[in-house]
C-alpha atoms as a PDB file:
ATOM      1  CA  MET A   1      79.941 -22.150  -4.814  1.00  0.00           C
ATOM      2  CA  ASN A   2      78.042 -20.415  -7.569  1.00  0.00           C
ATOM      3  CA  LEU A   3      80.626 -21.255 -10.196  1.00  0.00           C
ATOM      4  CA  ILE A   4      78.327 -19.900 -12.889  1.00  0.00           C
ATOM      5  CA  PHE A   5      78.761 -16.427 -11.366  1.00  0.00           C
ATOM      6  CA  GLY A   6      82.494 -16.709 -10.845  1.00  0.00           C
ATOM      7  CA  SER A   7      82.616 -17.503  -7.151  1.00  0.00           C
ATOM      8  CA  VAL A   8      85.810 -19.508  -7.537  1.00  0.00           C
ATOM      9  CA  GLY A   9      89.058 -19.259  -5.681  1.00  0.00           C
ATOM     10  CA  LEU A  10      92.232 -20.987  -4.646  1.00  0.00           C
ATOM     11  CA  SER A  11      93.019 -21.349  -1.001  1.00  0.00           C
ATOM     12  CA  ALA A  12      96.432 -21.565   0.589  1.00  0.00           C
ATOM     13  CA  TYR A  13      94.858 -23.213   3.622  1.00  0.00           C
ATOM     14  CA  PHE A  14      93.785 -26.730   4.541  1.00  0.00           C
ATOM     15  CA  GLY A  15      90.752 -27.194   6.744  1.00  0.00           C
ATOM     16  CA  CYS A  16      86.996 -27.358   6.947  1.00  0.00           C
ATOM     17  CA  SER A  17      84.689 -25.860   4.382  1.00  0.00           C
ATOM     18  CA  SER A  18      81.015 -25.160   3.988  1.00  0.00           C
ATOM     19  CA  THR A  19      78.978 -27.915   2.375  1.00  0.00           C
ATOM     20  CA  GLU A  20      78.119 -25.356  -0.309  1.00  0.00           C
ATOM     21  CA  TYR A  21      81.657 -25.534  -1.689  1.00  0.00           C
ATOM     22  CA  TYR A  22      83.391 -28.192  -3.740  1.00  0.00           C
ATOM     23  CA  VAL A  23      87.002 -28.557  -2.727  1.00  0.00           C
ATOM     24  CA  LEU A  24      89.161 -29.894  -5.535  1.00  0.00           C
ATOM     25  CA  LEU A  25      92.747 -31.037  -5.213  1.00  0.00           C
ATOM     26  CA  GLY A  26      95.283 -31.699  -7.934  1.00  0.00           C
ATOM     27  CA  CYS A  27      95.562 -35.451  -8.405  1.00  0.00           C
ATOM     28  CA  ASN A  28      99.298 -35.500  -9.103  1.00  0.00           C
ATOM     29  CA  LYS A  29     102.334 -33.383  -9.899  1.00  0.00           C
ATOM     30  CA  SER A  30     101.232 -32.927 -13.517  1.00  0.00           C
ATOM     31  CA  VAL A  31      98.530 -30.498 -12.366  1.00  0.00           C
ATOM     32  CA  ASP A  32      99.094 -26.838 -11.516  1.00  0.00           C
ATOM     33  CA  THR A  33      96.030 -25.794  -9.523  1.00  0.00           C
ATOM     34  CA  ARG A  34      96.668 -22.146 -10.473  1.00  0.00           C
ATOM     35  CA  PHE A  35      96.140 -23.079 -14.141  1.00  0.00           C
ATOM     36  CA  TYR A  36      92.799 -24.697 -13.380  1.00  0.00           C
ATOM     37  CA  GLY A  37      91.889 -21.749 -11.171  1.00  0.00           C
ATOM     38  CA  LEU A  38      92.298 -19.557 -14.262  1.00  0.00           C
ATOM     39  CA  ILE A  39      90.105 -21.874 -16.314  1.00  0.00           C
ATOM     40  CA  PHE A  40      87.393 -21.971 -13.636  1.00  0.00           C
ATOM     41  CA  LYS A  41      87.409 -18.158 -13.426  1.00  0.00           C
ATOM     42  CA  SER A  42      87.064 -17.687 -17.195  1.00  0.00           C
ATOM     43  CA  LYS A  43      83.680 -16.427 -18.361  1.00  0.00           C
ATOM     44  CA  GLY A  44      83.619 -18.923 -21.246  1.00  0.00           C
ATOM     45  CA  PHE A  45      84.025 -21.865 -18.892  1.00  0.00           C
ATOM     46  CA  GLN A  46      81.417 -20.490 -16.503  1.00  0.00           C
ATOM     47  CA  ARG A  47      78.935 -19.996 -19.357  1.00  0.00           C
ATOM     48  CA  SER A  48      79.490 -23.593 -20.474  1.00  0.00           C
ATOM     49  CA  LEU A  49      78.353 -24.830 -17.062  1.00  0.00           C
ATOM     50  CA  VAL A  50      74.846 -23.459 -17.561  1.00  0.00           C
ATOM     51  CA  ASP A  51      74.123 -26.618 -19.564  1.00  0.00           C
ATOM     52  CA  ILE A  52      74.722 -28.841 -16.517  1.00  0.00           C
ATOM     53  CA  GLY A  53      73.206 -26.542 -13.891  1.00  0.00           C
ATOM     54  CA  SER A  54      69.850 -27.292 -12.286  1.00  0.00           C
ATOM     55  CA  GLY A  55      67.236 -25.098 -10.750  1.00  0.00           C
ATOM     56  CA  ILE A  56      64.364 -22.896 -11.766  1.00  0.00           C
ATOM     57  CA  LEU A  57      66.139 -19.605 -11.059  1.00  0.00           C
ATOM     58  CA  PHE A  58      69.326 -18.802 -12.972  1.00  0.00           C
ATOM     59  CA  HIS A  59      70.905 -16.942 -10.056  1.00  0.00           C
ATOM     60  CA  LYS A  60      70.288 -19.934  -7.765  1.00  0.00           C
ATOM     61  CA  MET A  61      71.413 -22.591 -10.221  1.00  0.00           C
ATOM     62  CA  ARG A  62      73.281 -25.474  -8.633  1.00  0.00           C
ATOM     63  CA  ILE A  63      75.885 -27.682 -10.227  1.00  0.00           C
ATOM     64  CA  TYR A  64      76.072 -31.089  -8.652  1.00  0.00           C
ATOM     65  CA  TYR A  65      79.487 -32.684  -8.310  1.00  0.00           C
ATOM     66  CA  GLU A  66      78.337 -35.825 -10.147  1.00  0.00           C
ATOM     67  CA  ASP A  67      77.702 -33.609 -13.188  1.00  0.00           C
ATOM     68  CA  PHE A  68      80.719 -31.357 -12.705  1.00  0.00           C
ATOM     69  CA  LYS A  69      83.192 -34.236 -12.636  1.00  0.00           C
ATOM     70  CA  LYS A  70      82.080 -35.220 -16.158  1.00  0.00           C
ATOM     71  CA  VAL A  71      83.256 -31.885 -17.580  1.00  0.00           C
ATOM     72  CA  LEU A  72      86.262 -32.393 -19.825  1.00  0.00           C
ATOM     73  CA  LEU A  73      89.221 -30.152 -19.053  1.00  0.00           C
ATOM     74  CA  PRO A  74      92.418 -29.586 -21.013  1.00  0.00           C
ATOM     75  CA  VAL A  75      95.529 -31.203 -19.565  1.00  0.00           C
ATOM     76  CA  PRO A  76      98.546 -29.601 -21.203  1.00  0.00           C
ATOM     77  CA  PRO A  77     102.027 -30.549 -19.983  1.00  0.00           C
ATOM     78  CA  ILE A  78     102.851 -29.057 -16.567  1.00  0.00           C
ATOM     79  CA  GLU A  79     105.482 -26.759 -18.102  1.00  0.00           C
ATOM     80  CA  GLN A  80     102.871 -25.275 -20.432  1.00  0.00           C
ATOM     81  CA  GLN A  81     100.391 -24.836 -17.555  1.00  0.00           C
ATOM     82  CA  GLN A  82     103.050 -22.905 -15.625  1.00  0.00           C
ATOM     83  CA  GLN A  83     103.929 -20.759 -18.645  1.00  0.00           C
ATOM     84  CA  ILE A  84     100.263 -19.817 -19.071  1.00  0.00           C
ATOM     85  CA  VAL A  85      99.924 -18.962 -15.380  1.00  0.00           C
ATOM     86  CA  ASN A  86     103.068 -16.822 -15.489  1.00  0.00           C
ATOM     87  CA  PHE A  87     101.878 -15.047 -18.647  1.00  0.00           C
ATOM     88  CA  VAL A  88      98.433 -14.265 -17.238  1.00  0.00           C
END
């Protein structure tokens, strides 16, 4: 919700969510969700999403999942993802 403004988080819980949120799950064991949480929280990544956002007001800009899933993300080896998470 409002990824452009940094409203991103990782949850330790499984359950229902508001329709305003996109819930993403790692697709396999080669993904450390903490690593991608760091990417999603980075200001550079958030600024890059302005190009795919829609709406007439910047603070109400919406990113549709169909557009978001086209965003290319780095996929370093799992060991490197974990090293980055531990360093940060």
